[in-house]
Amino acid sequence: MKILVVEDHQLVRDGLKHIFADTFEDYIYLEANNAVNARRLAEENPDINLVILDLKVPGANGFDLLGQLNNLLENSPIIVLSAEESTTLIYGAISRGASGYVPKSFSHEQLCNAISVVLKGGVFVPDAAKSAIQYNLQAEQLVENLTSRQLEIVGLLAQGKTNKEIAALLHLSAATIRSYLTIIFRQMKVSNRTEAVYIARQLGLVND
């Protein structure tokens, strides 16, 4: 069992090491305190079995590093360990390939349970976030086929633009915009612009 922990706080790394010592009979513990070291260790150890990743380590955007480690360690599950518990962040991690998300407020037992789920091929998220994450994943499937033009229109809706204003900005007729919206709403399975914008914001497709 080879474990890579990517965490910039020594105290947290030491704590995890003690947990693993109590959990696994035979394991190799690798640790990185920044993105550069994390990538180096991943390249040098393609047989890593599990990655524990704090998204806020120095040297890279957390989601970028998550993607890089996924590419380097294609068969290794990654559990994000974070002090933040927002469903938006949890969804962002899972949708970008993380196999689990564990808040730092979790107990030793809860962390071990999450690791067990992930090592068996499952995906772990905190119970409080499950329904929201499932909703977002389903919503993502609904919008994945939207064209760039349709996404652009949704972005303008999020800015509060009227059909007439969108038509003027895109040099199209108001009738064409109405046709676009009919298709967009059908694809997203919503009945109005408010619902479409809500889903788009949940998925990070538009800025607040």
N, C-alpha and C. Protein backbone atom coordinates (compact mmCIF):
# COMPACT_ATOMS: atom_id res chain seq x y z
N MET A 1 0.86 -1.20 0.00
CA MET A 1 0.00 0.00 0.00
C MET A 1 0.89 1.23 0.00
N LYS A 2 0.82 2.01 -1.07
CA LYS A 2 1.63 3.22 -1.16
C LYS A 2 0.71 4.43 -1.19
N ILE A 3 0.91 5.34 -0.24
CA ILE A 3 0.03 6.49 -0.07
C ILE A 3 0.81 7.79 -0.25
N LEU A 4 0.27 8.69 -1.06
CA LEU A 4 0.85 10.02 -1.22
C LEU A 4 -0.05 11.04 -0.55
N VAL A 5 0.49 11.80 0.39
CA VAL A 5 -0.24 12.87 1.06
C VAL A 5 0.31 14.20 0.57
N VAL A 6 -0.56 15.03 0.01
CA VAL A 6 -0.18 16.35 -0.49
C VAL A 6 -0.83 17.37 0.43
N GLU A 7 -0.03 17.93 1.31
CA GLU A 7 -0.53 18.81 2.37
C GLU A 7 0.62 19.69 2.85
N ASP A 8 0.39 21.00 2.95
CA ASP A 8 1.49 21.89 3.31
C ASP A 8 1.69 22.08 4.81
N HIS A 9 0.80 21.53 5.64
CA HIS A 9 0.96 21.65 7.08
C HIS A 9 1.57 20.37 7.66
N GLN A 10 2.73 20.51 8.26
CA GLN A 10 3.44 19.35 8.81
C GLN A 10 2.61 18.63 9.86
N LEU A 11 1.89 19.40 10.68
CA LEU A 11 1.09 18.80 11.74
C LEU A 11 0.04 17.86 11.17
N VAL A 12 -0.60 18.27 10.08
CA VAL A 12 -1.62 17.44 9.46
C VAL A 12 -0.98 16.19 8.85
N ARG A 13 0.16 16.36 8.19
CA ARG A 13 0.85 15.20 7.60
C ARG A 13 1.24 14.20 8.67
N ASP A 14 1.75 14.70 9.79
CA ASP A 14 2.14 13.79 10.89
C ASP A 14 0.92 13.07 11.46
N GLY A 15 -0.20 13.80 11.57
CA GLY A 15 -1.41 13.18 12.08
C GLY A 15 -1.91 12.07 11.18
N LEU A 16 -1.88 12.31 9.87
CA LEU A 16 -2.30 11.30 8.91
C LEU A 16 -1.38 10.08 8.96
N LYS A 17 -0.11 10.34 9.14
CA LYS A 17 0.85 9.23 9.20
C LYS A 17 0.52 8.31 10.37
N HIS A 18 0.15 8.89 11.50
CA HIS A 18 -0.23 8.07 12.66
C HIS A 18 -1.51 7.29 12.40
N ILE A 19 -2.45 7.92 11.72
CA ILE A 19 -3.70 7.24 11.39
C ILE A 19 -3.44 6.04 10.48
N PHE A 20 -2.59 6.24 9.48
CA PHE A 20 -2.30 5.15 8.55
C PHE A 20 -1.54 4.03 9.25
N ALA A 21 -0.68 4.38 10.19
CA ALA A 21 0.07 3.37 10.93
C ALA A 21 -0.88 2.47 11.72
N ASP A 22 -1.98 3.04 12.19
CA ASP A 22 -2.97 2.27 12.95
C ASP A 22 -3.92 1.50 12.03
N THR A 23 -3.98 1.91 10.76
CA THR A 23 -4.98 1.34 9.84
C THR A 23 -4.41 0.27 8.93
N PHE A 24 -3.20 0.50 8.43
CA PHE A 24 -2.60 -0.43 7.48
C PHE A 24 -1.41 -1.15 8.09
N GLU A 25 -1.34 -2.44 7.86
CA GLU A 25 -0.23 -3.22 8.41
C GLU A 25 1.06 -2.95 7.66
N ASP A 26 0.95 -2.80 6.38
CA ASP A 26 2.14 -2.60 5.55
C ASP A 26 1.87 -1.49 4.56
N TYR A 27 2.56 -0.36 4.69
CA TYR A 27 2.34 0.75 3.77
C TYR A 27 3.60 1.59 3.62
N ILE A 28 3.64 2.31 2.53
CA ILE A 28 4.72 3.26 2.27
C ILE A 28 4.10 4.64 2.24
N TYR A 29 4.66 5.55 3.02
CA TYR A 29 4.08 6.88 3.17
C TYR A 29 4.93 7.91 2.45
N LEU A 30 4.36 8.56 1.45
CA LEU A 30 5.03 9.62 0.72
C LEU A 30 4.34 10.94 1.04
N GLU A 31 5.08 12.01 1.17
CA GLU A 31 4.46 13.29 1.49
C GLU A 31 5.06 14.42 0.67
N ALA A 32 4.18 15.34 0.30
CA ALA A 32 4.59 16.52 -0.47
C ALA A 32 3.95 17.75 0.14
N ASN A 33 4.74 18.82 0.27
CA ASN A 33 4.20 20.04 0.88
C ASN A 33 3.86 21.11 -0.15
N ASN A 34 4.02 20.78 -1.44
CA ASN A 34 3.64 21.73 -2.49
C ASN A 34 3.37 20.98 -3.79
N ALA A 35 2.88 21.70 -4.79
CA ALA A 35 2.48 21.07 -6.04
C ALA A 35 3.66 20.48 -6.80
N VAL A 36 4.79 21.16 -6.78
CA VAL A 36 5.97 20.68 -7.50
C VAL A 36 6.40 19.32 -6.96
N ASN A 37 6.49 19.20 -5.65
CA ASN A 37 6.89 17.92 -5.04
C ASN A 37 5.84 16.84 -5.28
N ALA A 38 4.57 17.24 -5.28
CA ALA A 38 3.50 16.27 -5.52
C ALA A 38 3.62 15.67 -6.92
N ARG A 39 3.83 16.53 -7.91
CA ARG A 39 3.97 16.03 -9.28
C ARG A 39 5.21 15.15 -9.43
N ARG A 40 6.30 15.56 -8.79
CA ARG A 40 7.55 14.78 -8.88
C ARG A 40 7.36 13.39 -8.29
N LEU A 41 6.74 13.32 -7.11
CA LEU A 41 6.53 12.03 -6.47
C LEU A 41 5.58 11.15 -7.28
N ALA A 42 4.58 11.78 -7.89
CA ALA A 42 3.65 11.02 -8.73
C ALA A 42 4.36 10.44 -9.95
N GLU A 43 5.24 11.23 -10.54
CA GLU A 43 6.00 10.75 -11.71
C GLU A 43 6.95 9.63 -11.33
N GLU A 44 7.55 9.73 -10.13
CA GLU A 44 8.53 8.73 -9.69
C GLU A 44 7.87 7.47 -9.13
N ASN A 45 6.59 7.55 -8.79
CA ASN A 45 5.90 6.43 -8.15
C ASN A 45 4.56 6.15 -8.82
N PRO A 46 4.59 5.62 -10.03
CA PRO A 46 3.33 5.36 -10.74
C PRO A 46 2.47 4.28 -10.07
N ASP A 47 3.05 3.58 -9.08
CA ASP A 47 2.32 2.51 -8.40
C ASP A 47 1.64 3.00 -7.12
N ILE A 48 1.51 4.31 -6.95
CA ILE A 48 0.80 4.85 -5.78
C ILE A 48 -0.63 4.32 -5.77
N ASN A 49 -1.10 3.89 -4.60
CA ASN A 49 -2.43 3.32 -4.46
C ASN A 49 -3.51 4.31 -4.04
N LEU A 50 -3.08 5.39 -3.38
CA LEU A 50 -4.05 6.35 -2.85
C LEU A 50 -3.38 7.71 -2.69
N VAL A 51 -4.12 8.77 -3.04
CA VAL A 51 -3.62 10.13 -2.84
C VAL A 51 -4.59 10.87 -1.92
N ILE A 52 -4.03 11.54 -0.91
CA ILE A 52 -4.80 12.44 -0.06
C ILE A 52 -4.34 13.85 -0.41
N LEU A 53 -5.24 14.69 -0.89
CA LEU A 53 -4.86 15.98 -1.45
C LEU A 53 -5.58 17.14 -0.80
N ASP A 54 -4.81 18.09 -0.28
CA ASP A 54 -5.36 19.38 0.14
C ASP A 54 -5.31 20.30 -1.07
N LEU A 55 -6.44 20.88 -1.43
CA LEU A 55 -6.50 21.70 -2.64
C LEU A 55 -5.74 23.01 -2.53
N LYS A 56 -5.32 23.38 -1.32
CA LYS A 56 -4.71 24.69 -1.14
C LYS A 56 -3.19 24.64 -0.91
N VAL A 57 -2.54 23.63 -1.42
CA VAL A 57 -1.09 23.58 -1.28
C VAL A 57 -0.45 24.60 -2.23
N PRO A 58 0.71 25.14 -1.88
CA PRO A 58 1.37 26.14 -2.73
C PRO A 58 1.80 25.55 -4.07
N GLY A 59 1.80 26.40 -5.09
CA GLY A 59 2.38 26.02 -6.37
C GLY A 59 1.42 25.74 -7.49
N ALA A 60 0.13 25.67 -7.21
CA ALA A 60 -0.83 25.40 -8.28
C ALA A 60 -2.24 25.62 -7.77
N ASN A 61 -3.14 25.93 -8.70
CA ASN A 61 -4.55 25.92 -8.38
C ASN A 61 -4.94 24.49 -8.00
N GLY A 62 -5.73 24.35 -6.94
CA GLY A 62 -6.05 23.02 -6.44
C GLY A 62 -6.69 22.10 -7.45
N PHE A 63 -7.64 22.62 -8.22
CA PHE A 63 -8.30 21.79 -9.22
C PHE A 63 -7.35 21.44 -10.35
N ASP A 64 -6.44 22.35 -10.70
CA ASP A 64 -5.45 22.04 -11.72
C ASP A 64 -4.55 20.90 -11.26
N LEU A 65 -4.12 20.98 -10.00
CA LEU A 65 -3.26 19.92 -9.46
C LEU A 65 -4.01 18.60 -9.40
N LEU A 66 -5.26 18.64 -9.04
CA LEU A 66 -6.08 17.43 -9.03
C LEU A 66 -6.09 16.78 -10.41
N GLY A 67 -6.28 17.59 -11.44
CA GLY A 67 -6.28 17.06 -12.80
C GLY A 67 -4.94 16.50 -13.20
N GLN A 68 -3.86 17.18 -12.82
CA GLN A 68 -2.51 16.72 -13.15
C GLN A 68 -2.20 15.39 -12.49
N LEU A 69 -2.57 15.26 -11.22
CA LEU A 69 -2.32 14.00 -10.51
C LEU A 69 -3.18 12.87 -11.08
N ASN A 70 -4.39 13.20 -11.50
CA ASN A 70 -5.23 12.19 -12.14
C ASN A 70 -4.60 11.69 -13.42
N ASN A 71 -4.00 12.59 -14.18
CA ASN A 71 -3.35 12.19 -15.43
C ASN A 71 -2.10 11.36 -15.18
N LEU A 72 -1.36 11.71 -14.13
CA LEU A 72 -0.12 10.99 -13.83
C LEU A 72 -0.39 9.64 -13.18
N LEU A 73 -1.47 9.57 -12.41
CA LEU A 73 -1.80 8.35 -11.66
C LEU A 73 -3.21 7.90 -12.04
N GLU A 74 -3.34 7.40 -13.24
CA GLU A 74 -4.67 7.12 -13.80
C GLU A 74 -5.49 6.13 -12.98
N ASN A 75 -4.83 5.20 -12.32
CA ASN A 75 -5.55 4.17 -11.58
C ASN A 75 -5.56 4.39 -10.08
N SER A 76 -5.13 5.57 -9.65
CA SER A 76 -5.03 5.84 -8.22
C SER A 76 -6.16 6.78 -7.78
N PRO A 77 -7.01 6.34 -6.86
CA PRO A 77 -8.07 7.24 -6.36
C PRO A 77 -7.47 8.40 -5.57
N ILE A 78 -8.12 9.55 -5.69
CA ILE A 78 -7.68 10.75 -4.98
C ILE A 78 -8.80 11.20 -4.05
N ILE A 79 -8.46 11.36 -2.78
CA ILE A 79 -9.39 11.90 -1.80
C ILE A 79 -8.97 13.32 -1.48
N VAL A 80 -9.86 14.27 -1.67
CA VAL A 80 -9.59 15.65 -1.30
C VAL A 80 -9.86 15.82 0.19
N LEU A 81 -8.89 16.37 0.89
CA LEU A 81 -9.00 16.65 2.32
C LEU A 81 -9.00 18.16 2.48
N SER A 82 -10.08 18.73 3.02
CA SER A 82 -10.20 20.18 3.03
C SER A 82 -10.89 20.69 4.28
N ALA A 83 -10.51 21.91 4.67
CA ALA A 83 -11.18 22.57 5.80
C ALA A 83 -12.52 23.15 5.37
N GLU A 84 -12.74 23.26 4.07
CA GLU A 84 -13.99 23.82 3.56
C GLU A 84 -15.00 22.72 3.26
N GLU A 85 -16.27 23.01 3.50
CA GLU A 85 -17.31 21.99 3.34
C GLU A 85 -18.44 22.44 2.43
N SER A 86 -18.20 23.43 1.58
CA SER A 86 -19.27 23.91 0.69
C SER A 86 -19.56 22.87 -0.38
N THR A 87 -20.84 22.73 -0.71
CA THR A 87 -21.22 21.75 -1.72
C THR A 87 -20.65 22.12 -3.09
N THR A 88 -20.46 23.41 -3.33
CA THR A 88 -19.88 23.84 -4.61
C THR A 88 -18.47 23.31 -4.77
N LEU A 89 -17.67 23.38 -3.70
CA LEU A 89 -16.30 22.90 -3.75
C LEU A 89 -16.28 21.37 -3.84
N ILE A 90 -17.15 20.72 -3.09
CA ILE A 90 -17.22 19.26 -3.13
C ILE A 90 -17.58 18.80 -4.53
N TYR A 91 -18.60 19.43 -5.11
CA TYR A 91 -19.00 19.08 -6.48
C TYR A 91 -17.86 19.33 -7.45
N GLY A 92 -17.17 20.45 -7.29
CA GLY A 92 -16.05 20.75 -8.18
C GLY A 92 -14.98 19.68 -8.14
N ALA A 93 -14.69 19.19 -6.95
CA ALA A 93 -13.66 18.15 -6.81
C ALA A 93 -14.12 16.83 -7.43
N ILE A 94 -15.34 16.42 -7.12
CA ILE A 94 -15.84 15.14 -7.64
C ILE A 94 -15.98 15.18 -9.15
N SER A 95 -16.50 16.28 -9.67
CA SER A 95 -16.70 16.38 -11.12
C SER A 95 -15.38 16.45 -11.88
N ARG A 96 -14.30 16.79 -11.19
CA ARG A 96 -12.98 16.84 -11.82
C ARG A 96 -12.16 15.58 -11.56
N GLY A 97 -12.79 14.56 -11.03
CA GLY A 97 -12.11 13.27 -10.94
C GLY A 97 -11.74 12.78 -9.57
N ALA A 98 -12.00 13.55 -8.52
CA ALA A 98 -11.70 13.06 -7.17
C ALA A 98 -12.64 11.90 -6.84
N SER A 99 -12.13 10.92 -6.12
CA SER A 99 -12.95 9.77 -5.72
C SER A 99 -13.60 9.99 -4.36
N GLY A 100 -13.17 11.03 -3.67
CA GLY A 100 -13.75 11.29 -2.36
C GLY A 100 -13.45 12.70 -1.89
N TYR A 101 -14.23 13.15 -0.93
CA TYR A 101 -14.04 14.48 -0.35
C TYR A 101 -14.26 14.35 1.15
N VAL A 102 -13.22 14.65 1.93
CA VAL A 102 -13.29 14.50 3.38
C VAL A 102 -12.98 15.83 4.05
N PRO A 103 -13.93 16.38 4.80
CA PRO A 103 -13.65 17.60 5.57
C PRO A 103 -12.64 17.32 6.68
N LYS A 104 -11.84 18.30 7.01
CA LYS A 104 -10.86 18.13 8.08
C LYS A 104 -11.52 18.05 9.45
N SER A 105 -12.81 18.35 9.51
CA SER A 105 -13.54 18.22 10.77
C SER A 105 -13.91 16.77 11.05
N PHE A 106 -13.69 15.88 10.09
CA PHE A 106 -14.03 14.47 10.27
C PHE A 106 -13.17 13.83 11.35
N SER A 107 -13.70 12.79 11.95
CA SER A 107 -12.95 12.02 12.94
C SER A 107 -12.04 11.01 12.25
N HIS A 108 -11.16 10.41 13.03
CA HIS A 108 -10.28 9.34 12.55
C HIS A 108 -11.12 8.24 11.89
N GLU A 109 -12.19 7.81 12.56
CA GLU A 109 -13.03 6.73 12.05
C GLU A 109 -13.72 7.10 10.74
N GLN A 110 -14.18 8.34 10.64
CA GLN A 110 -14.85 8.78 9.42
C GLN A 110 -13.88 8.82 8.24
N LEU A 111 -12.65 9.25 8.49
CA LEU A 111 -11.64 9.27 7.44
C LEU A 111 -11.35 7.85 6.97
N CYS A 112 -11.19 6.94 7.90
CA CYS A 112 -10.91 5.55 7.55
C CYS A 112 -12.06 4.94 6.75
N ASN A 113 -13.28 5.29 7.10
CA ASN A 113 -14.44 4.81 6.36
C ASN A 113 -14.42 5.34 4.93
N ALA A 114 -14.08 6.61 4.77
CA ALA A 114 -14.00 7.20 3.44
C ALA A 114 -12.93 6.50 2.60
N ILE A 115 -11.78 6.23 3.21
CA ILE A 115 -10.70 5.54 2.51
C ILE A 115 -11.15 4.15 2.08
N SER A 116 -11.85 3.45 2.97
CA SER A 116 -12.34 2.11 2.65
C SER A 116 -13.29 2.13 1.45
N VAL A 117 -14.20 3.10 1.44
CA VAL A 117 -15.16 3.22 0.33
C VAL A 117 -14.43 3.46 -0.98
N VAL A 118 -13.46 4.36 -0.96
CA VAL A 118 -12.74 4.73 -2.18
C VAL A 118 -11.86 3.58 -2.68
N LEU A 119 -11.18 2.90 -1.77
CA LEU A 119 -10.32 1.80 -2.19
C LEU A 119 -11.11 0.62 -2.77
N LYS A 120 -12.39 0.55 -2.44
CA LYS A 120 -13.26 -0.49 -3.00
C LYS A 120 -13.88 -0.05 -4.33
N GLY A 121 -13.48 1.14 -4.80
CA GLY A 121 -13.98 1.61 -6.09
C GLY A 121 -15.16 2.55 -6.02
N GLY A 122 -15.57 2.92 -4.80
CA GLY A 122 -16.70 3.82 -4.64
C GLY A 122 -16.29 5.28 -4.62
N VAL A 123 -17.28 6.14 -4.48
CA VAL A 123 -17.06 7.58 -4.36
C VAL A 123 -17.63 8.02 -3.02
N PHE A 124 -16.83 8.76 -2.26
CA PHE A 124 -17.27 9.19 -0.93
C PHE A 124 -17.45 10.69 -0.89
N VAL A 125 -18.63 11.12 -0.42
CA VAL A 125 -18.87 12.53 -0.09
C VAL A 125 -19.62 12.55 1.24
N PRO A 126 -19.48 13.63 2.00
CA PRO A 126 -20.20 13.72 3.27
C PRO A 126 -21.70 13.58 3.07
N ASP A 127 -22.37 12.95 4.03
CA ASP A 127 -23.81 12.72 3.93
C ASP A 127 -24.59 14.01 3.66
N ALA A 128 -24.18 15.10 4.33
CA ALA A 128 -24.90 16.37 4.20
C ALA A 128 -24.85 16.93 2.78
N ALA A 129 -23.89 16.49 1.99
CA ALA A 129 -23.74 17.04 0.64
C ALA A 129 -24.24 16.10 -0.45
N LYS A 130 -24.64 14.90 -0.10
CA LYS A 130 -24.96 13.90 -1.12
C LYS A 130 -26.07 14.33 -2.07
N SER A 131 -27.16 14.85 -1.53
CA SER A 131 -28.29 15.20 -2.40
C SER A 131 -27.92 16.33 -3.35
N ALA A 132 -27.17 17.33 -2.84
CA ALA A 132 -26.77 18.46 -3.69
C ALA A 132 -25.80 18.02 -4.77
N ILE A 133 -24.87 17.13 -4.42
CA ILE A 133 -23.90 16.64 -5.40
C ILE A 133 -24.61 15.84 -6.47
N GLN A 134 -25.55 14.98 -6.07
CA GLN A 134 -26.29 14.19 -7.04
C GLN A 134 -27.08 15.09 -7.99
N TYR A 135 -27.68 16.14 -7.44
CA TYR A 135 -28.42 17.09 -8.27
C TYR A 135 -27.50 17.74 -9.29
N ASN A 136 -26.33 18.17 -8.84
CA ASN A 136 -25.39 18.83 -9.75
C ASN A 136 -24.89 17.90 -10.84
N LEU A 137 -24.63 16.65 -10.48
CA LEU A 137 -24.15 15.70 -11.47
C LEU A 137 -25.23 15.43 -12.53
N GLN A 138 -26.48 15.35 -12.08
CA GLN A 138 -27.57 15.16 -13.03
C GLN A 138 -27.74 16.39 -13.90
N ALA A 139 -27.61 17.56 -13.30
CA ALA A 139 -27.73 18.81 -14.07
C ALA A 139 -26.62 18.92 -15.10
N GLU A 140 -25.44 18.48 -14.73
CA GLU A 140 -24.31 18.54 -15.65
C GLU A 140 -24.58 17.72 -16.90
N GLN A 141 -25.22 16.57 -16.73
CA GLN A 141 -25.57 15.74 -17.88
C GLN A 141 -26.54 16.46 -18.81
N LEU A 142 -27.40 17.30 -18.23
CA LEU A 142 -28.40 18.00 -19.03
C LEU A 142 -27.78 19.10 -19.89
N VAL A 143 -26.69 19.70 -19.43
CA VAL A 143 -26.13 20.85 -20.15
C VAL A 143 -24.88 20.51 -20.95
N GLU A 144 -24.43 19.26 -20.85
CA GLU A 144 -23.15 18.94 -21.49
C GLU A 144 -23.18 19.07 -23.01
N ASN A 145 -24.38 19.03 -23.61
CA ASN A 145 -24.48 19.13 -25.06
C ASN A 145 -24.84 20.53 -25.55
N LEU A 146 -24.89 21.50 -24.63
CA LEU A 146 -25.16 22.87 -25.08
C LEU A 146 -24.00 23.37 -25.93
N THR A 147 -24.31 24.08 -27.00
CA THR A 147 -23.27 24.64 -27.85
C THR A 147 -22.66 25.88 -27.20
N SER A 148 -21.55 26.33 -27.76
CA SER A 148 -20.90 27.54 -27.23
C SER A 148 -21.83 28.75 -27.33
N ARG A 149 -22.60 28.81 -28.39
CA ARG A 149 -23.54 29.92 -28.56
C ARG A 149 -24.64 29.85 -27.49
N GLN A 150 -25.14 28.66 -27.25
CA GLN A 150 -26.18 28.50 -26.23
C GLN A 150 -25.64 28.85 -24.83
N LEU A 151 -24.42 28.44 -24.55
CA LEU A 151 -23.81 28.79 -23.26
C LEU A 151 -23.61 30.30 -23.15
N GLU A 152 -23.27 30.93 -24.27
CA GLU A 152 -23.11 32.38 -24.28
C GLU A 152 -24.43 33.06 -23.95
N ILE A 153 -25.50 32.55 -24.47
CA ILE A 153 -26.82 33.13 -24.20
C ILE A 153 -27.20 32.92 -22.73
N VAL A 154 -26.90 31.75 -22.18
CA VAL A 154 -27.17 31.51 -20.77
C VAL A 154 -26.37 32.49 -19.91
N GLY A 155 -25.14 32.76 -20.32
CA GLY A 155 -24.32 33.73 -19.60
C GLY A 155 -24.93 35.12 -19.61
N LEU A 156 -25.49 35.49 -20.73
CA LEU A 156 -26.16 36.80 -20.83
C LEU A 156 -27.44 36.84 -20.01
N LEU A 157 -28.13 35.71 -19.95
CA LEU A 157 -29.30 35.63 -19.08
C LEU A 157 -28.90 35.88 -17.63
N ALA A 158 -27.76 35.30 -17.25
CA ALA A 158 -27.28 35.45 -15.87
C ALA A 158 -26.93 36.90 -15.55
N GLN A 159 -26.62 37.68 -16.60
CA GLN A 159 -26.32 39.10 -16.41
C GLN A 159 -27.60 39.94 -16.34
N GLY A 160 -28.74 39.29 -16.49
CA GLY A 160 -30.01 40.00 -16.42
C GLY A 160 -30.45 40.63 -17.73
N LYS A 161 -29.82 40.23 -18.83
CA LYS A 161 -30.16 40.82 -20.13
C LYS A 161 -31.53 40.32 -20.61
N THR A 162 -32.28 41.19 -21.22
CA THR A 162 -33.56 40.81 -21.82
C THR A 162 -33.31 40.16 -23.17
N ASN A 163 -34.36 39.53 -23.72
CA ASN A 163 -34.22 38.92 -25.05
C ASN A 163 -33.79 39.96 -26.09
N LYS A 164 -34.38 41.14 -26.00
CA LYS A 164 -34.05 42.20 -26.96
C LYS A 164 -32.59 42.61 -26.83
N GLU A 165 -32.10 42.74 -25.60
CA GLU A 165 -30.70 43.13 -25.38
C GLU A 165 -29.75 42.04 -25.86
N ILE A 166 -30.09 40.78 -25.62
CA ILE A 166 -29.25 39.68 -26.08
C ILE A 166 -29.20 39.66 -27.60
N ALA A 167 -30.34 39.87 -28.22
CA ALA A 167 -30.40 39.90 -29.68
C ALA A 167 -29.49 40.99 -30.24
N ALA A 168 -29.53 42.16 -29.62
CA ALA A 168 -28.69 43.27 -30.10
C ALA A 168 -27.21 42.96 -29.92
N LEU A 169 -26.85 42.39 -28.79
CA LEU A 169 -25.45 42.07 -28.50
C LEU A 169 -24.89 41.01 -29.46
N LEU A 170 -25.74 40.07 -29.83
CA LEU A 170 -25.29 38.96 -30.67
C LEU A 170 -25.62 39.18 -32.15
N HIS A 171 -26.21 40.34 -32.45
CA HIS A 171 -26.57 40.68 -33.84
C HIS A 171 -27.52 39.64 -34.44
N LEU A 172 -28.49 39.26 -33.63
CA LEU A 172 -29.51 38.31 -34.05
C LEU A 172 -30.89 38.93 -33.84
N SER A 173 -31.92 38.31 -34.39
CA SER A 173 -33.27 38.82 -34.18
C SER A 173 -33.82 38.32 -32.85
N ALA A 174 -34.79 39.02 -32.33
CA ALA A 174 -35.42 38.60 -31.08
C ALA A 174 -36.08 37.23 -31.25
N ALA A 175 -36.62 36.98 -32.43
CA ALA A 175 -37.26 35.68 -32.69
C ALA A 175 -36.23 34.55 -32.62
N THR A 176 -35.04 34.82 -33.13
CA THR A 176 -33.98 33.80 -33.08
C THR A 176 -33.58 33.51 -31.63
N ILE A 177 -33.50 34.55 -30.82
CA ILE A 177 -33.16 34.37 -29.41
C ILE A 177 -34.24 33.55 -28.71
N ARG A 178 -35.50 33.82 -29.04
CA ARG A 178 -36.59 33.03 -28.44
C ARG A 178 -36.46 31.56 -28.83
N SER A 179 -36.08 31.30 -30.06
CA SER A 179 -35.90 29.92 -30.51
C SER A 179 -34.74 29.26 -29.76
N TYR A 180 -33.67 30.01 -29.60
CA TYR A 180 -32.53 29.50 -28.82
C TYR A 180 -32.97 29.14 -27.41
N LEU A 181 -33.73 30.02 -26.78
CA LEU A 181 -34.14 29.79 -25.40
C LEU A 181 -35.05 28.57 -25.28
N THR A 182 -35.91 28.37 -26.26
CA THR A 182 -36.77 27.19 -26.25
C THR A 182 -35.94 25.91 -26.23
N ILE A 183 -34.91 25.89 -27.07
CA ILE A 183 -34.02 24.72 -27.15
C ILE A 183 -33.22 24.56 -25.85
N ILE A 184 -32.70 25.68 -25.35
CA ILE A 184 -31.90 25.65 -24.11
C ILE A 184 -32.74 25.13 -22.95
N PHE A 185 -33.94 25.66 -22.80
CA PHE A 185 -34.80 25.24 -21.69
C PHE A 185 -35.15 23.75 -21.81
N ARG A 186 -35.39 23.31 -23.04
CA ARG A 186 -35.72 21.89 -23.23
C ARG A 186 -34.53 21.02 -22.88
N GLN A 187 -33.34 21.43 -23.31
CA GLN A 187 -32.12 20.65 -23.03
C GLN A 187 -31.84 20.59 -21.53
N MET A 188 -32.06 21.70 -20.84
CA MET A 188 -31.76 21.77 -19.41
C MET A 188 -32.94 21.29 -18.55
N LYS A 189 -34.05 20.96 -19.20
CA LYS A 189 -35.26 20.50 -18.50
C LYS A 189 -35.73 21.52 -17.46
N VAL A 190 -35.79 22.77 -17.89
CA VAL A 190 -36.30 23.85 -17.05
C VAL A 190 -37.41 24.55 -17.82
N SER A 191 -38.15 25.40 -17.12
CA SER A 191 -39.28 26.07 -17.77
C SER A 191 -39.08 27.57 -17.94
N ASN A 192 -38.03 28.12 -17.33
CA ASN A 192 -37.81 29.56 -17.46
C ASN A 192 -36.35 29.92 -17.26
N ARG A 193 -36.04 31.20 -17.50
CA ARG A 193 -34.65 31.67 -17.42
C ARG A 193 -34.09 31.60 -16.00
N THR A 194 -34.94 31.82 -15.01
CA THR A 194 -34.46 31.79 -13.62
C THR A 194 -33.89 30.41 -13.28
N GLU A 195 -34.61 29.37 -13.66
CA GLU A 195 -34.15 28.01 -13.39
C GLU A 195 -32.88 27.69 -14.19
N ALA A 196 -32.81 28.15 -15.42
CA ALA A 196 -31.63 27.90 -16.26
C ALA A 196 -30.40 28.57 -15.67
N VAL A 197 -30.55 29.81 -15.21
CA VAL A 197 -29.43 30.54 -14.63
C VAL A 197 -28.99 29.89 -13.33
N TYR A 198 -29.96 29.43 -12.54
CA TYR A 198 -29.62 28.78 -11.27
C TYR A 198 -28.74 27.55 -11.50
N ILE A 199 -29.15 26.70 -12.44
CA ILE A 199 -28.37 25.50 -12.74
C ILE A 199 -26.98 25.88 -13.26
N ALA A 200 -26.93 26.87 -14.14
CA ALA A 200 -25.65 27.29 -14.71
C ALA A 200 -24.70 27.78 -13.63
N ARG A 201 -25.25 28.52 -12.65
CA ARG A 201 -24.41 29.01 -11.54
C ARG A 201 -23.94 27.87 -10.65
N GLN A 202 -24.83 26.92 -10.39
CA GLN A 202 -24.47 25.76 -9.58
C GLN A 202 -23.32 25.00 -10.20
N LEU A 203 -23.30 24.94 -11.52
CA LEU A 203 -22.27 24.19 -12.23
C LEU A 203 -21.04 25.03 -12.52
N GLY A 204 -21.07 26.30 -12.14
CA GLY A 204 -19.92 27.16 -12.40
C GLY A 204 -19.78 27.58 -13.85
N LEU A 205 -20.87 27.49 -14.62
CA LEU A 205 -20.83 27.86 -16.05
C LEU A 205 -20.88 29.37 -16.24
N VAL A 206 -21.41 30.07 -15.26
CA VAL A 206 -21.47 31.54 -15.33
C VAL A 206 -21.02 32.11 -14.00
N ASN A 207 -20.56 33.33 -14.04
CA ASN A 207 -20.13 34.01 -12.82
C ASN A 207 -21.31 34.69 -12.14
N ASP A 208 -21.21 34.80 -10.82
CA ASP A 208 -22.26 35.50 -10.08
C ASP A 208 -22.19 36.99 -10.37
